[in-house]
Amino acid sequence: MFTRIALFMLTNLAVLAVAGVVLNILGIDRMVLDAAGGYALNYTGLFIFSAIFGFGGAFVSLFLSKWMAKRATRTRIIETPANETEKWLVDTTQQLARSAGIGTPEIGIFPAQEPNAFATGANRNKSLVAVSEGLLKSMRRDEVRAVLGHEIGHVANGDMVTLSLLQGILNTFVIFFSRIVGHVVDRAIFRNERGPGIGYFAVTIAAQIVFGILASAIVMWYSRKREFRADAAGARLAGRGAMINALESLKRGYGTGQAMPESMAAFGISPAARSGIRQMFASHPPLEARIQALKSFTG
């Protein structure tokens, strides 16, 4: 199962890739080149072009996030509670949402045996919060409530919108600088003076991939930071002890050297600290760091 961050980023990259191909085919990409100046870049036009499609890709991803998450996880929305557990889940989420000052989100359950949860949506008053069947079975209710508080915290903090703004800024610079690199290489190496050729387009695509990977590291850094804020929100809404116990429950299950399934990345991620490049691209901090941060939390 993809995490909400992975879904967002994959959708964003797909939108940018498709847009780039279509724009090249239609020749719109050439509009940022000043032919009258002897195949020179029009930097103002290029930046406007980059911002439009950079932010466009990010916000298309944001508005598709809830729809994509539902289908990727096969989440079943609780319209009318079918049993006591579902009624408790709905009532608890509604209470936490009121306490956080947001509208009641859609509430769903998805079929996964691992303890997991996610929240997403473009509007903090029309979001989606979902938990796995495994989480409801393996955690006590006070711990489930803390997990729900954590996810409500993401919504109340406006994390998805902030993430989209950050991604839009990064997309803009990825598009902008990849085309500058493509232009420079096309002229300096391929000696093309008549307008963008195959060298420009090939190098632009390659540079966009490389810069996109570097931009992803920045997005992951932000993602790790926001997890601490969401944990703090969960502690305020459901109690610090319950939030710590929820994380400890995950740690006990996967803290003995056993790899945590990728499907748990939406909430828990790896309990062990990653190193080097892997650490740069981790969307969540290690569980131990989150637990220690909560133990010193006084808010």
Foldseek 3Di string as FASTA:
>chain_A
DDALVRQLLVQLVVQLVVVLVVCVVVVVVQVQFDVVVQRHGNLVVLLVVQLVSLLVSLVVSQACSQVVVCVVQVWDWCPDDPDPLSVVQQVLQCVLLVVLPEARETETEGEDLDWAKAKGHQALNYIYIYTYPNNSVQDDPLLVSLLSQLRNLCSSVSVSVVLSVLSSVLSSVLQSVLQVVLSCCCCPPVVDRRGDDPSSSVSSVVSSVVSSVVSLLVSLVVLAVVSLSSSLSSCVRRNLVSSLVNLVSVCVVQVPPRADDPNRLNRAHAQDQDDDPVNSNRNHGHSVVSSVSSVPDDD
